[in-house]
Amino acid sequence: MHEAAEGLMLQAMAARGEWKDVQKMIKDLAREQP
């Protein structure tokens, strides 16, 4: 996924108050980084 699209998705999720999902996604993304 494009970083821009990812950022927009995170913003949209955060705006809806889905912080648990946002945090989980960030953790998953961080795990994928070398």
PDB file of N, CA and C in Angstrom:
ATOM      1  N   MET A   1       0.832  -1.203   0.000  1.00  0.00           N
ATOM      2  CA  MET A   1       0.000   0.000   0.000  1.00  0.00           C
ATOM      3  C   MET A   1       0.871   1.258   0.000  1.00  0.00           C
ATOM      4  N   HIS A   2       0.391   2.295  -0.684  1.00  0.00           N
ATOM      5  CA  HIS A   2       1.129   3.556  -0.700  1.00  0.00           C
ATOM      6  C   HIS A   2       1.126   4.185   0.684  1.00  0.00           C
ATOM      7  N   GLU A   3       2.241   4.832   1.037  1.00  0.00           N
ATOM      8  CA  GLU A   3       2.328   5.459   2.354  1.00  0.00           C
ATOM      9  C   GLU A   3       1.257   6.528   2.526  1.00  0.00           C
ATOM     10  N   ALA A   4       0.970   7.280   1.449  1.00  0.00           N
ATOM     11  CA  ALA A   4      -0.051   8.332   1.524  1.00  0.00           C
ATOM     12  C   ALA A   4      -1.415   7.731   1.839  1.00  0.00           C
ATOM     13  N   ALA A   5      -1.753   6.650   1.154  1.00  0.00           N
ATOM     14  CA  ALA A   5      -3.040   5.989   1.383  1.00  0.00           C
ATOM     15  C   ALA A   5      -3.090   5.430   2.804  1.00  0.00           C
ATOM     16  N   GLU A   6      -1.961   4.900   3.252  1.00  0.00           N
ATOM     17  CA  GLU A   6      -1.884   4.350   4.601  1.00  0.00           C
ATOM     18  C   GLU A   6      -2.154   5.444   5.623  1.00  0.00           C
ATOM     19  N   GLY A   7      -1.510   6.604   5.417  1.00  0.00           N
ATOM     20  CA  GLY A   7      -1.686   7.729   6.332  1.00  0.00           C
ATOM     21  C   GLY A   7      -3.135   8.182   6.378  1.00  0.00           C
ATOM     22  N   LEU A   8      -3.764   8.254   5.201  1.00  0.00           N
ATOM     23  CA  LEU A   8      -5.170   8.673   5.147  1.00  0.00           C
ATOM     24  C   LEU A   8      -6.044   7.676   5.883  1.00  0.00           C
ATOM     25  N   MET A   9      -5.743   6.383   5.710  1.00  0.00           N
ATOM     26  CA  MET A   9      -6.531   5.356   6.364  1.00  0.00           C
ATOM     27  C   MET A   9      -6.384   5.464   7.889  1.00  0.00           C
ATOM     28  N   LEU A  10      -5.142   5.665   8.337  1.00  0.00           N
ATOM     29  CA  LEU A  10      -4.905   5.799   9.773  1.00  0.00           C
ATOM     30  C   LEU A  10      -5.653   7.010  10.315  1.00  0.00           C
ATOM     31  N   GLN A  11      -5.619   8.128   9.555  1.00  0.00           N
ATOM     32  CA  GLN A  11      -6.320   9.336   9.999  1.00  0.00           C
ATOM     33  C   GLN A  11      -7.819   9.076  10.088  1.00  0.00           C
ATOM     34  N   ALA A  12      -8.360   8.384   9.077  1.00  0.00           N
ATOM     35  CA  ALA A  12      -9.794   8.102   9.062  1.00  0.00           C
ATOM     36  C   ALA A  12     -10.176   7.212  10.242  1.00  0.00           C
ATOM     37  N   MET A  13      -9.367   6.201  10.513  1.00  0.00           N
ATOM     38  CA  MET A  13      -9.645   5.295  11.625  1.00  0.00           C
ATOM     39  C   MET A  13      -9.540   6.041  12.954  1.00  0.00           C
ATOM     40  N   ALA A  14      -8.514   6.883  13.071  1.00  0.00           N
ATOM     41  CA  ALA A  14      -8.334   7.650  14.303  1.00  0.00           C
ATOM     42  C   ALA A  14      -9.516   8.597  14.510  1.00  0.00           C
ATOM     43  N   ALA A  15      -9.988   9.187  13.411  1.00  0.00           N
ATOM     44  CA  ALA A  15     -11.112  10.117  13.500  1.00  0.00           C
ATOM     45  C   ALA A  15     -12.361   9.412  13.996  1.00  0.00           C
ATOM     46  N   ARG A  16     -12.492   8.130  13.669  1.00  0.00           N
ATOM     47  CA  ARG A  16     -13.660   7.366  14.119  1.00  0.00           C
ATOM     48  C   ARG A  16     -13.434   6.812  15.534  1.00  0.00           C
ATOM     49  N   GLY A  17     -12.265   7.076  16.075  1.00  0.00           N
ATOM     50  CA  GLY A  17     -11.984   6.646  17.442  1.00  0.00           C
ATOM     51  C   GLY A  17     -11.517   5.206  17.534  1.00  0.00           C
ATOM     52  N   GLU A  18     -11.023   4.651  16.421  1.00  0.00           N
ATOM     53  CA  GLU A  18     -10.589   3.249  16.432  1.00  0.00           C
ATOM     54  C   GLU A  18      -9.093   3.172  16.763  1.00  0.00           C
ATOM     55  N   TRP A  19      -8.728   3.723  17.903  1.00  0.00           N
ATOM     56  CA  TRP A  19      -7.312   3.796  18.261  1.00  0.00           C
ATOM     57  C   TRP A  19      -6.669   2.429  18.450  1.00  0.00           C
ATOM     58  N   LYS A  20      -7.443   1.477  18.943  1.00  0.00           N
ATOM     59  CA  LYS A  20      -6.879   0.131  19.122  1.00  0.00           C
ATOM     60  C   LYS A  20      -6.447  -0.436  17.780  1.00  0.00           C
ATOM     61  N   ASP A  21      -7.306  -0.248  16.763  1.00  0.00           N
ATOM     62  CA  ASP A  21      -6.974  -0.741  15.422  1.00  0.00           C
ATOM     63  C   ASP A  21      -5.773   0.012  14.866  1.00  0.00           C
ATOM     64  N   VAL A  22      -5.731   1.323  15.106  1.00  0.00           N
ATOM     65  CA  VAL A  22      -4.618   2.141  14.612  1.00  0.00           C
ATOM     66  C   VAL A  22      -3.316   1.654  15.236  1.00  0.00           C
ATOM     67  N   GLN A  23      -3.330   1.477  16.550  1.00  0.00           N
ATOM     68  CA  GLN A  23      -2.118   1.037  17.246  1.00  0.00           C
ATOM     69  C   GLN A  23      -1.678  -0.346  16.773  1.00  0.00           C
ATOM     70  N   LYS A  24      -2.641  -1.231  16.550  1.00  0.00           N
ATOM     71  CA  LYS A  24      -2.310  -2.579  16.075  1.00  0.00           C
ATOM     72  C   LYS A  24      -1.660  -2.498  14.695  1.00  0.00           C
ATOM     73  N   MET A  25      -2.229  -1.640  13.815  1.00  0.00           N
ATOM     74  CA  MET A  25      -1.688  -1.498  12.471  1.00  0.00           C
ATOM     75  C   MET A  25      -0.262  -0.954  12.517  1.00  0.00           C
ATOM     76  N   ILE A  26      -0.043   0.037  13.382  1.00  0.00           N
ATOM     77  CA  ILE A  26       1.290   0.629  13.497  1.00  0.00           C
ATOM     78  C   ILE A  26       2.281  -0.430  13.969  1.00  0.00           C
ATOM     79  N   LYS A  27       1.863  -1.246  14.925  1.00  0.00           N
ATOM     80  CA  LYS A  27       2.744  -2.313  15.415  1.00  0.00           C
ATOM     81  C   LYS A  27       3.059  -3.293  14.289  1.00  0.00           C
ATOM     82  N   ASP A  28       2.021  -3.654  13.511  1.00  0.00           N
ATOM     83  CA  ASP A  28       2.228  -4.587  12.400  1.00  0.00           C
ATOM     84  C   ASP A  28       3.178  -3.983  11.376  1.00  0.00           C
ATOM     85  N   LEU A  29       3.001  -2.692  11.074  1.00  0.00           N
ATOM     86  CA  LEU A  29       3.869  -2.023  10.100  1.00  0.00           C
ATOM     87  C   LEU A  29       5.294  -1.980  10.623  1.00  0.00           C
ATOM     88  N   ALA A  30       5.453  -1.673  11.898  1.00  0.00           N
ATOM     89  CA  ALA A  30       6.788  -1.584  12.490  1.00  0.00           C
ATOM     90  C   ALA A  30       7.493  -2.938  12.426  1.00  0.00           C
ATOM     91  N   ARG A  31       6.704  -4.009  12.594  1.00  0.00           N
ATOM     92  CA  ARG A  31       7.289  -5.350  12.546  1.00  0.00           C
ATOM     93  C   ARG A  31       7.795  -5.671  11.134  1.00  0.00           C
ATOM     94  N   GLU A  32       7.109  -5.124  10.109  1.00  0.00           N
ATOM     95  CA  GLU A  32       7.496  -5.420   8.726  1.00  0.00           C
ATOM     96  C   GLU A  32       8.786  -4.703   8.333  1.00  0.00           C
ATOM     97  N   GLN A  33       9.106  -3.594   9.020  1.00  0.00           N
ATOM     98  CA  GLN A  33      10.332  -2.844   8.689  1.00  0.00           C
ATOM     99  C   GLN A  33      11.559  -3.663   9.100  1.00  0.00           C
ATOM    100  N   PRO A  34      12.606  -3.610   8.284  1.00  0.00           N
ATOM    101  CA  PRO A  34      13.836  -4.350   8.601  1.00  0.00           C
ATOM    102  C   PRO A  34      14.552  -3.772   9.811  1.00  0.00           C
TER     103      PRO A  34
END
